[in-house]
Protein backbone atom coordinates (compact mmCIF):
# COMPACT_ATOMS: atom_id res chain seq x y z
CA VAL A 1 -8.00 -3.06 3.67
CA GLN A 2 -5.17 -2.97 1.17
CA LEU A 3 -3.56 0.23 -0.07
CA VAL A 4 -1.24 0.32 -3.08
CA GLU A 5 0.68 3.48 -3.87
CA SER A 6 2.37 4.08 -7.22
CA GLY A 7 3.72 6.78 -9.48
CA GLY A 8 6.91 7.74 -7.71
CA GLY A 9 10.28 8.06 -9.35
CA LEU A 10 13.32 10.21 -9.93
CA VAL A 11 12.63 13.73 -11.09
CA GLN A 12 14.68 16.89 -11.42
CA PRO A 13 13.94 19.94 -9.26
CA GLY A 14 10.96 21.80 -10.67
CA GLY A 15 9.54 18.65 -12.18
CA SER A 16 6.19 16.96 -11.66
CA LEU A 17 4.84 13.59 -10.64
CA ARG A 18 1.38 12.20 -10.09
CA LEU A 19 1.03 9.65 -7.33
CA SER A 20 -1.86 7.19 -7.22
CA CYS A 21 -3.38 5.26 -4.36
CA ALA A 22 -5.61 2.29 -5.05
CA ALA A 23 -7.67 0.79 -2.26
CA SER A 24 -9.41 -2.51 -1.85
CA GLY A 25 -11.67 -3.56 0.98
CA VAL A 26 -12.82 -0.04 1.70
CA THR A 27 -14.60 2.82 -0.03
CA LEU A 28 -12.22 5.76 0.17
CA SER A 29 -14.95 8.35 -0.29
CA SER A 30 -16.43 7.31 3.06
CA TYR A 31 -13.39 8.50 5.00
CA ASP A 32 -11.10 11.44 5.48
CA VAL A 33 -7.95 10.38 3.66
CA GLY A 34 -4.57 11.85 2.99
CA TRP A 35 -1.05 11.52 1.73
CA LEU A 36 1.87 11.28 4.09
CA ARG A 37 5.60 11.15 3.54
CA GLN A 38 8.48 9.73 5.47
CA THR A 39 12.22 10.27 5.33
CA PRO A 40 14.83 8.10 7.08
CA GLY A 41 14.83 8.59 10.83
CA LYS A 42 11.64 10.62 10.87
CA GLU A 43 8.00 9.83 11.47
CA ARG A 44 5.43 9.95 8.73
CA GLU A 45 3.85 13.37 8.31
CA PHE A 46 0.71 14.35 6.51
CA VAL A 47 1.27 16.60 3.50
CA ALA A 48 -2.27 16.65 2.11
CA THR A 49 -5.69 15.57 3.37
CA MET A 50 -9.20 15.44 1.98
CA LYS A 51 -12.40 15.20 4.00
CA ARG A 52 -15.04 12.73 2.93
CA SER A 53 -17.72 15.39 2.92
CA GLU A 54 -17.44 18.35 0.60
CA GLU A 55 -14.00 17.11 -0.35
CA THR A 56 -12.39 19.87 1.71
CA THR A 57 -8.62 19.74 1.35
CA SER A 58 -5.74 20.89 3.53
CA TYR A 59 -2.01 20.99 2.99
CA ALA A 60 1.17 21.25 4.98
CA ASP A 61 2.69 24.70 4.67
CA SER A 62 5.76 23.25 2.97
CA VAL A 63 3.73 21.98 0.00
CA LYS A 64 0.94 24.53 -0.36
CA GLY A 65 0.54 25.68 -3.92
CA ARG A 66 2.61 22.81 -5.29
CA LEU A 67 0.77 19.61 -4.33
CA THR A 68 -2.88 18.85 -5.00
CA ILE A 69 -4.88 15.95 -3.59
CA SER A 70 -7.85 14.62 -5.52
CA ARG A 71 -10.11 11.61 -5.57
CA ASP A 72 -11.87 9.52 -8.21
CA ASN A 73 -14.79 7.88 -6.44
CA ALA A 74 -15.71 5.72 -9.41
CA LYS A 75 -12.23 4.19 -9.42
CA ASN A 76 -11.88 4.25 -5.62
CA MET A 77 -8.55 6.00 -5.93
CA VAL A 78 -6.81 9.02 -4.45
CA TYR A 79 -4.16 11.02 -6.27
CA LEU A 80 -1.44 13.49 -5.40
CA GLN A 81 -0.38 15.83 -8.17
CA MET A 82 3.08 17.11 -7.37
CA ASN A 83 4.39 20.17 -9.22
CA GLY A 84 7.42 22.33 -8.63
CA LEU A 85 9.18 19.53 -6.82
CA LYS A 86 12.09 20.38 -4.56
CA PRO A 87 14.91 18.20 -3.21
CA GLU A 88 13.30 18.40 0.24
CA ASP A 89 10.25 16.61 -1.15
CA THR A 90 12.36 13.46 -1.44
CA ALA A 91 10.64 10.80 0.66
CA VAL A 92 8.52 7.68 0.57
CA TYR A 93 4.91 8.68 0.09
CA TYR A 94 1.96 6.81 1.54
CA CYS A 95 -1.80 7.22 1.48
CA ASN A 96 -4.03 6.35 4.42
CA ARG A 97 -7.00 7.30 6.49
CA VAL A 98 -6.51 10.49 8.49
CA GLU A 99 -7.60 8.99 11.81
CA ARG A 100 -7.18 5.37 12.92
CA SER A 101 -5.01 4.41 9.99
CA TRP A 102 -5.47 1.22 8.04
CA ASP A 103 -2.62 -1.19 7.37
CA TRP A 104 0.13 0.64 5.53
CA GLY A 105 0.92 0.05 1.91
CA GLN A 106 4.47 -0.24 0.60
CA GLY A 107 4.60 3.43 -0.30
CA THR A 108 6.17 4.93 -3.38
CA GLN A 109 9.61 6.54 -3.46
CA VAL A 110 9.92 10.09 -4.75
CA THR A 111 13.44 11.34 -5.34
CA VAL A 112 14.04 14.92 -6.43
CA SER A 113 17.60 15.40 -7.57
CA THR A 114 19.78 16.58 -10.40
């Protein structure tokens, strides 16, 4: 399995980004998947997840109402729409399976700053 995250960048507070996760070697729609983020010295934490069935989503309290996870089954991709970004959202963002993670991708850096 190979995961490739993209779409990060530098954005001002209140701005938006759309992260993408492309997968090869696995069909994402067959698994519960999510987006995680990591800051220096801390472990990765899930910020958004999506179940394979019914596409039920859940979010960390810190991002509710601002981040939205979605999936395009035809393209085998998962997205994270990020609106109302705050400086505390600055992190490297990764996508992966919710349980028994696959090999990690390189992640994509999101920096929220003036």
